[in-house]
């Protein structure tokens, strides 16, 4: 690598040529270091900010859901990940102790237990936001009832950590 001699009143220095444009004068060196530090810290700050905002939004919609006191409902759950797509109809009622599930197509995913009630959907949102610190994580809520309509973790989509849960055909039962 080529080097260039830089003479300052304090001492002589040899600097690699690629660094030279950023360090034009000895008194401006601290600015370039500050610039590098800021570039490294900005993504960390915004990731933490997104995590906090997502958790607050989830808590706000969960209190909306709890305020409606809906105990009997059904919905269609579409789950997709690196292994494929599944669609399951889930029915929750106070008379049955467990959620009833009917597989429409695909195999029943191993993690289906995380998504069998609206309460568990909120737990899944919190778990995945904290697990991935909001990186690549998206969630959308229903404005009327407050339940999560979309939970999506798009962590480089090449890995097995990619998944998407979409809730459709939500109906309140009598």
Protein backbone atom coordinates (compact mmCIF):
# COMPACT_ATOMS: atom_id res chain seq x y z
CA UNK A 1 0.00 0.00 0.00
CA UNK A 2 1.30 3.44 -0.87
CA UNK A 3 2.00 5.81 1.96
CA UNK A 4 2.39 9.53 2.12
CA UNK A 5 4.40 11.51 4.61
CA UNK A 6 2.46 14.05 6.59
CA UNK A 7 4.44 16.63 8.52
CA UNK A 8 2.79 18.29 11.46
CA UNK A 9 4.43 20.61 13.94
CA UNK A 10 4.34 17.87 16.58
CA UNK A 11 5.75 14.92 14.62
CA UNK A 12 6.14 13.17 11.32
CA UNK A 13 3.54 10.53 10.36
CA UNK A 14 3.09 7.98 7.64
CA UNK A 15 -0.54 7.55 6.62
CA UNK A 16 -2.03 5.11 4.15
CA UNK A 17 -3.24 6.94 1.06
CA UNK A 18 -6.94 5.88 1.32
CA UNK A 19 -7.26 7.58 4.72
CA UNK A 20 -5.82 10.84 3.47
CA UNK A 21 -9.04 12.42 2.08
CA UNK A 22 -10.76 11.98 5.46
CA UNK A 23 -7.90 13.35 7.50
CA UNK A 24 -7.07 16.54 5.67
CA UNK A 25 -5.75 18.42 8.65
CA UNK A 26 -4.64 17.34 12.11
CA UNK A 27 -7.25 19.44 13.86
CA UNK A 28 -10.10 17.80 11.86
CA UNK A 29 -9.19 14.22 12.70
CA UNK A 30 -11.58 14.12 15.63
CA UNK A 31 -14.47 14.98 13.27
CA UNK A 32 -13.83 11.95 11.12
CA UNK A 33 -13.69 9.73 14.21
CA UNK A 34 -16.94 11.28 15.46
CA UNK A 35 -18.50 10.71 12.05
CA UNK A 36 -17.57 7.01 12.08
CA UNK A 37 -18.93 6.56 15.62
CA UNK A 38 -22.22 8.26 14.67
CA UNK A 39 -22.65 6.04 11.62
CA UNK A 40 -22.15 2.96 13.78
CA UNK A 41 -24.53 4.08 16.55
CA UNK A 42 -27.46 5.35 14.47
CA UNK A 43 -28.74 1.87 13.43
CA UNK A 44 -28.51 0.66 17.03
CA UNK A 45 -30.53 3.64 18.25
CA UNK A 46 -33.27 3.26 15.63
CA UNK A 47 -33.55 -0.50 16.18
CA UNK A 48 -34.14 0.04 19.91
CA UNK A 49 -36.60 2.82 19.14
CA UNK A 50 -38.57 0.54 16.79
CA UNK A 51 -38.60 -2.21 19.42
CA UNK A 52 -40.05 0.14 22.04
CA UNK A 53 -42.63 1.57 19.65
CA UNK A 54 -43.79 -1.90 18.58
CA UNK A 55 -44.14 -3.07 22.18
CA UNK A 56 -46.12 0.07 23.13
CA UNK A 57 -48.38 -0.32 20.10
CA UNK A 58 -48.98 -3.97 21.00
CA UNK A 59 -49.90 -3.06 24.58
CA UNK A 60 -52.30 -0.36 23.36
CA UNK A 61 -54.11 -2.77 21.02
CA UNK A 62 -54.12 -5.51 23.65
CA UNK A 63 -55.95 -3.20 26.07
CA UNK A 64 -58.44 -2.41 23.28
CA UNK A 65 -58.99 -6.17 22.81
CA UNK A 66 -59.35 -6.76 26.56
CA UNK A 67 -61.83 -3.89 26.83
CA UNK A 68 -64.12 -5.48 24.24
CA UNK A 69 -64.33 -8.69 26.35
CA UNK A 70 -64.70 -10.97 23.33
CA UNK A 71 -64.69 -14.60 24.47
CA UNK A 72 -66.01 -16.52 21.44
CA UNK A 73 -64.48 -15.98 18.00
CA UNK A 74 -63.02 -17.74 15.02
CA UNK A 75 -60.43 -16.84 12.42
CA UNK A 76 -58.41 -18.22 9.53
CA UNK A 77 -54.69 -18.41 10.22
CA UNK A 78 -52.28 -18.55 7.30
CA UNK A 79 -48.77 -19.55 8.40
CA UNK A 80 -45.81 -19.51 6.02
CA UNK A 81 -42.12 -20.09 6.56
CA UNK A 82 -39.14 -21.60 4.74
CA UNK A 83 -40.80 -25.04 4.82
CA UNK A 84 -44.10 -24.03 3.19
CA UNK A 85 -47.56 -22.61 3.73
CA UNK A 86 -50.35 -23.84 5.99
CA UNK A 87 -53.85 -22.56 6.51
CA UNK A 88 -55.79 -23.41 9.66
CA UNK A 89 -59.27 -22.41 10.81
CA UNK A 90 -59.27 -21.73 14.56
CA UNK A 91 -62.36 -21.49 16.75
CA UNK A 92 -62.21 -20.26 20.35
CA UNK A 93 -65.20 -20.43 22.66
CA UNK A 94 -65.64 -20.39 26.44
CA UNK A 95 -67.48 -23.75 26.36
CA UNK A 96 -64.47 -25.64 25.02
CA UNK A 97 -61.35 -25.87 27.07
CA UNK A 98 -59.05 -25.84 24.01
CA UNK A 99 -59.09 -24.02 20.69
CA UNK A 100 -60.58 -26.10 17.90
CA UNK A 101 -58.45 -26.30 14.76
CA UNK A 102 -59.28 -27.45 11.25
CA UNK A 103 -56.38 -27.69 8.80
CA UNK A 104 -57.50 -26.32 5.43
CA UNK A 105 -54.28 -27.05 3.55
CA UNK A 106 -50.64 -27.77 4.31
CA UNK A 107 -49.19 -29.46 7.37
CA UNK A 108 -49.94 -28.26 10.87
CA UNK A 109 -46.86 -26.23 11.92
CA UNK A 110 -45.03 -27.27 15.08
CA UNK A 111 -45.36 -23.78 16.54
CA UNK A 112 -49.14 -23.53 16.00
CA UNK A 113 -49.63 -23.42 19.77
CA UNK A 114 -48.25 -19.85 19.78
CA UNK A 115 -51.14 -18.62 17.61
CA UNK A 116 -54.28 -20.46 18.80
CA UNK A 117 -55.86 -17.53 20.68
CA UNK A 118 -55.63 -13.76 20.41
CA UNK A 119 -53.91 -13.65 23.82
CA UNK A 120 -51.23 -16.02 22.52
CA UNK A 121 -50.84 -13.85 19.40
CA UNK A 122 -49.95 -10.89 21.65
CA UNK A 123 -47.46 -13.10 23.53
CA UNK A 124 -45.89 -14.13 20.20
CA UNK A 125 -45.52 -10.49 19.16
CA UNK A 126 -43.76 -9.64 22.42
CA UNK A 127 -41.53 -12.73 22.26
CA UNK A 128 -40.36 -12.12 18.69
CA UNK A 129 -39.84 -8.38 19.14
CA UNK A 130 -37.59 -9.03 22.13
CA UNK A 131 -35.86 -12.00 20.48
CA UNK A 132 -34.85 -10.12 17.33
CA UNK A 133 -34.84 -6.59 18.84
CA UNK A 134 -37.28 -5.47 16.16
CA UNK A 135 -34.88 -6.23 13.31
CA UNK A 136 -36.91 -7.32 10.29
CA UNK A 137 -40.04 -7.66 12.41
CA UNK A 138 -43.42 -6.24 11.32
CA UNK A 139 -46.81 -6.42 12.95
CA UNK A 140 -50.16 -4.96 11.88
CA UNK A 141 -53.20 -4.71 14.13
CA UNK A 142 -56.92 -4.63 13.42
CA UNK A 143 -58.13 -1.10 14.12
CA UNK A 144 -61.61 -2.20 15.28
CA UNK A 145 -60.92 -5.12 17.61
CA UNK A 146 -57.18 -4.73 18.21
CA UNK A 147 -56.00 -8.26 17.42
CA UNK A 148 -52.79 -8.76 15.39
CA UNK A 149 -53.65 -9.28 11.70
CA UNK A 150 -50.08 -9.79 10.51
CA UNK A 151 -46.99 -10.99 12.36
CA UNK A 152 -43.95 -11.18 10.13
CA UNK A 153 -40.31 -11.92 10.89
CA UNK A 154 -38.26 -11.42 7.74
CA UNK A 155 -34.80 -12.18 9.08
CA UNK A 156 -32.80 -12.38 5.85
CA UNK A 157 -35.52 -14.66 4.40
CA UNK A 158 -32.86 -17.26 3.56
CA UNK A 159 -32.84 -18.68 7.04
CA UNK A 160 -35.33 -20.84 8.91
CA UNK A 161 -36.17 -17.87 11.12
CA UNK A 162 -38.42 -16.33 8.45
CA UNK A 163 -42.13 -16.69 9.13
CA UNK A 164 -45.39 -14.90 8.49
CA UNK A 165 -48.71 -15.28 10.28
CA UNK A 166 -51.76 -13.65 8.70
CA UNK A 167 -55.17 -13.59 10.37
CA UNK A 168 -58.19 -13.33 8.05
CA UNK A 169 -61.94 -13.95 8.22
CA UNK A 170 -62.18 -12.94 11.87
CA UNK A 171 -65.72 -13.43 13.21
CA UNK A 172 -67.17 -12.85 16.65
CA UNK A 173 -69.42 -15.77 17.61
CA UNK A 174 -72.66 -15.40 19.56
